[in-house]
Amino acid sequence: MLLDMTPVEIRLREARKAAGYTQVELAKRARMDQADISRIEKGAKAISMDVLDRLCRALKCDPGDILVRKGK
């Protein structure tokens, strides 16, 4: 049985700017490439739970702070 997936928007840019980080600074804190941060912010890259966890730790936020249902 397939579950209906709710479209999710990743509001990484807003959280990053609120924390006062550049893409480069966030990438270093989350142990990622700056290019991946850019792609995530543009909606061109899906993220794994591991990446979500690293981003949230770097931004000192909860997943619900950056994951939002589209259209709501």
N, C-alpha and C. Protein backbone atom coordinates (compact mmCIF):
# COMPACT_ATOMS: atom_id res chain seq x y z
N MET A 1 0.84 -1.18 0.00
CA MET A 1 0.00 0.00 0.00
C MET A 1 0.88 1.24 0.00
N LEU A 2 0.60 2.16 -0.90
CA LEU A 2 1.34 3.40 -0.97
C LEU A 2 0.66 4.46 -0.11
N LEU A 3 1.45 5.25 0.55
CA LEU A 3 0.91 6.34 1.35
C LEU A 3 0.95 7.62 0.53
N ASP A 4 -0.05 8.45 0.71
CA ASP A 4 -0.02 9.76 0.06
C ASP A 4 1.07 10.59 0.72
N MET A 5 1.90 11.19 -0.10
CA MET A 5 2.99 12.01 0.42
C MET A 5 2.56 13.47 0.37
N THR A 6 2.72 14.17 1.45
CA THR A 6 2.41 15.59 1.50
C THR A 6 3.58 16.37 0.93
N PRO A 7 3.33 17.22 -0.06
CA PRO A 7 4.43 18.03 -0.59
C PRO A 7 4.97 18.95 0.51
N VAL A 8 6.28 18.98 0.63
CA VAL A 8 6.93 19.75 1.68
C VAL A 8 7.86 20.78 1.07
N GLU A 9 7.84 21.96 1.63
CA GLU A 9 8.75 23.02 1.25
C GLU A 9 9.83 23.10 2.32
N ILE A 10 11.06 23.22 1.89
CA ILE A 10 12.17 23.35 2.84
C ILE A 10 12.53 24.83 2.93
N ARG A 11 12.22 25.44 4.04
CA ARG A 11 12.47 26.87 4.22
C ARG A 11 13.83 27.10 4.86
N LEU A 12 14.82 26.59 4.17
CA LEU A 12 16.18 26.68 4.69
C LEU A 12 16.73 28.10 4.61
N ARG A 13 16.48 28.79 3.50
CA ARG A 13 17.02 30.15 3.31
C ARG A 13 16.56 31.06 4.44
N GLU A 14 15.26 31.01 4.77
CA GLU A 14 14.74 31.88 5.82
C GLU A 14 15.39 31.57 7.17
N ALA A 15 15.53 30.28 7.48
CA ALA A 15 16.15 29.89 8.75
C ALA A 15 17.63 30.28 8.78
N ARG A 16 18.30 30.09 7.65
CA ARG A 16 19.73 30.44 7.59
C ARG A 16 19.93 31.93 7.80
N LYS A 17 19.13 32.73 7.11
CA LYS A 17 19.27 34.19 7.24
C LYS A 17 18.90 34.66 8.64
N ALA A 18 17.88 34.05 9.23
CA ALA A 18 17.49 34.41 10.61
C ALA A 18 18.61 34.11 11.59
N ALA A 19 19.39 33.06 11.30
CA ALA A 19 20.53 32.71 12.16
C ALA A 19 21.75 33.58 11.86
N GLY A 20 21.70 34.34 10.77
CA GLY A 20 22.80 35.22 10.42
C GLY A 20 23.95 34.53 9.70
N TYR A 21 23.67 33.39 9.07
CA TYR A 21 24.72 32.63 8.39
C TYR A 21 24.68 32.85 6.88
N THR A 22 25.83 32.82 6.25
CA THR A 22 25.90 32.73 4.81
C THR A 22 25.77 31.25 4.44
N GLN A 23 25.60 30.97 3.16
CA GLN A 23 25.56 29.58 2.74
C GLN A 23 26.86 28.87 3.09
N VAL A 24 27.97 29.56 2.93
CA VAL A 24 29.28 28.96 3.23
C VAL A 24 29.39 28.63 4.72
N GLU A 25 28.96 29.55 5.57
CA GLU A 25 29.03 29.30 7.02
C GLU A 25 28.14 28.13 7.42
N LEU A 26 26.92 28.08 6.88
CA LEU A 26 26.03 26.97 7.21
C LEU A 26 26.60 25.65 6.71
N ALA A 27 27.15 25.67 5.52
CA ALA A 27 27.74 24.45 4.96
C ALA A 27 28.84 23.92 5.86
N LYS A 28 29.70 24.80 6.35
CA LYS A 28 30.77 24.37 7.25
C LYS A 28 30.20 23.79 8.54
N ARG A 29 29.22 24.46 9.12
CA ARG A 29 28.63 24.01 10.38
C ARG A 29 27.90 22.68 10.23
N ALA A 30 27.31 22.46 9.04
CA ALA A 30 26.54 21.23 8.81
C ALA A 30 27.38 20.15 8.10
N ARG A 31 28.65 20.42 7.89
CA ARG A 31 29.56 19.49 7.20
C ARG A 31 29.01 19.09 5.83
N MET A 32 28.71 20.14 5.04
CA MET A 32 28.16 19.95 3.70
C MET A 32 28.89 20.87 2.73
N ASP A 33 28.61 20.69 1.45
CA ASP A 33 29.12 21.59 0.43
C ASP A 33 28.17 22.77 0.29
N GLN A 34 28.72 23.94 0.01
CA GLN A 34 27.90 25.13 -0.19
C GLN A 34 26.96 24.93 -1.37
N ALA A 35 27.40 24.22 -2.40
CA ALA A 35 26.56 23.98 -3.57
C ALA A 35 25.30 23.20 -3.19
N ASP A 36 25.41 22.27 -2.24
CA ASP A 36 24.24 21.51 -1.79
C ASP A 36 23.27 22.41 -1.03
N ILE A 37 23.80 23.31 -0.22
CA ILE A 37 22.94 24.28 0.48
C ILE A 37 22.16 25.09 -0.55
N SER A 38 22.85 25.57 -1.56
CA SER A 38 22.21 26.36 -2.62
C SER A 38 21.11 25.57 -3.32
N ARG A 39 21.39 24.32 -3.66
CA ARG A 39 20.39 23.50 -4.35
C ARG A 39 19.17 23.23 -3.47
N ILE A 40 19.40 23.00 -2.19
CA ILE A 40 18.28 22.76 -1.27
C ILE A 40 17.43 24.03 -1.19
N GLU A 41 18.07 25.18 -1.07
CA GLU A 41 17.34 26.44 -0.95
C GLU A 41 16.52 26.72 -2.21
N LYS A 42 17.00 26.28 -3.36
CA LYS A 42 16.28 26.50 -4.63
C LYS A 42 15.22 25.44 -4.88
N GLY A 43 15.15 24.44 -4.01
CA GLY A 43 14.18 23.37 -4.19
C GLY A 43 14.60 22.35 -5.22
N ALA A 44 15.88 22.36 -5.58
CA ALA A 44 16.39 21.46 -6.62
C ALA A 44 17.02 20.20 -6.05
N LYS A 45 17.02 20.04 -4.73
CA LYS A 45 17.66 18.88 -4.13
C LYS A 45 16.83 18.42 -2.93
N ALA A 46 16.49 17.14 -2.93
CA ALA A 46 15.82 16.54 -1.78
C ALA A 46 16.86 16.30 -0.68
N ILE A 47 16.41 16.18 0.54
CA ILE A 47 17.36 15.94 1.63
C ILE A 47 16.98 14.69 2.40
N SER A 48 17.99 14.04 2.91
CA SER A 48 17.79 12.85 3.74
C SER A 48 17.55 13.28 5.18
N MET A 49 17.15 12.33 6.00
CA MET A 49 16.96 12.63 7.42
C MET A 49 18.28 13.02 8.07
N ASP A 50 19.39 12.41 7.63
CA ASP A 50 20.70 12.76 8.17
C ASP A 50 21.04 14.21 7.86
N VAL A 51 20.80 14.64 6.65
CA VAL A 51 21.08 16.02 6.26
C VAL A 51 20.16 16.97 7.02
N LEU A 52 18.88 16.61 7.13
CA LEU A 52 17.95 17.43 7.90
C LEU A 52 18.44 17.59 9.33
N ASP A 53 18.90 16.51 9.93
CA ASP A 53 19.40 16.56 11.30
C ASP A 53 20.63 17.48 11.41
N ARG A 54 21.56 17.35 10.47
CA ARG A 54 22.76 18.21 10.51
C ARG A 54 22.40 19.68 10.32
N LEU A 55 21.47 19.96 9.42
CA LEU A 55 21.05 21.35 9.21
C LEU A 55 20.38 21.92 10.46
N CYS A 56 19.51 21.13 11.06
CA CYS A 56 18.82 21.60 12.27
C CYS A 56 19.79 21.81 13.43
N ARG A 57 20.75 20.93 13.56
CA ARG A 57 21.76 21.12 14.62
C ARG A 57 22.56 22.40 14.38
N ALA A 58 22.96 22.61 13.13
CA ALA A 58 23.75 23.80 12.79
C ALA A 58 22.94 25.08 13.01
N LEU A 59 21.65 25.02 12.72
CA LEU A 59 20.79 26.20 12.86
C LEU A 59 20.15 26.31 14.24
N LYS A 60 20.35 25.29 15.07
CA LYS A 60 19.75 25.24 16.41
C LYS A 60 18.23 25.41 16.31
N CYS A 61 17.63 24.55 15.46
CA CYS A 61 16.18 24.60 15.28
C CYS A 61 15.64 23.17 15.19
N ASP A 62 14.33 23.07 15.15
CA ASP A 62 13.66 21.78 14.99
C ASP A 62 13.28 21.59 13.53
N PRO A 63 13.13 20.35 13.07
CA PRO A 63 12.72 20.11 11.68
C PRO A 63 11.45 20.87 11.29
N GLY A 64 10.51 20.98 12.20
CA GLY A 64 9.28 21.70 11.91
C GLY A 64 9.49 23.18 11.64
N ASP A 65 10.65 23.70 12.03
CA ASP A 65 10.96 25.11 11.76
C ASP A 65 11.33 25.34 10.30
N ILE A 66 11.82 24.30 9.62
CA ILE A 66 12.23 24.49 8.23
C ILE A 66 11.44 23.64 7.24
N LEU A 67 10.67 22.68 7.72
CA LEU A 67 9.82 21.87 6.84
C LEU A 67 8.37 22.33 6.98
N VAL A 68 7.79 22.76 5.87
CA VAL A 68 6.43 23.30 5.92
C VAL A 68 5.63 22.69 4.77
N ARG A 69 4.39 22.32 5.04
CA ARG A 69 3.52 21.80 3.97
C ARG A 69 3.34 22.86 2.90
N LYS A 70 3.48 22.44 1.65
CA LYS A 70 3.23 23.36 0.53
C LYS A 70 1.74 23.65 0.45
N GLY A 71 1.44 24.87 0.10
CA GLY A 71 0.05 25.25 -0.09
C GLY A 71 -0.72 25.55 1.19
N LYS A 72 -0.03 25.59 2.30
CA LYS A 72 -0.72 25.88 3.57
C LYS A 72 -0.25 27.20 4.12
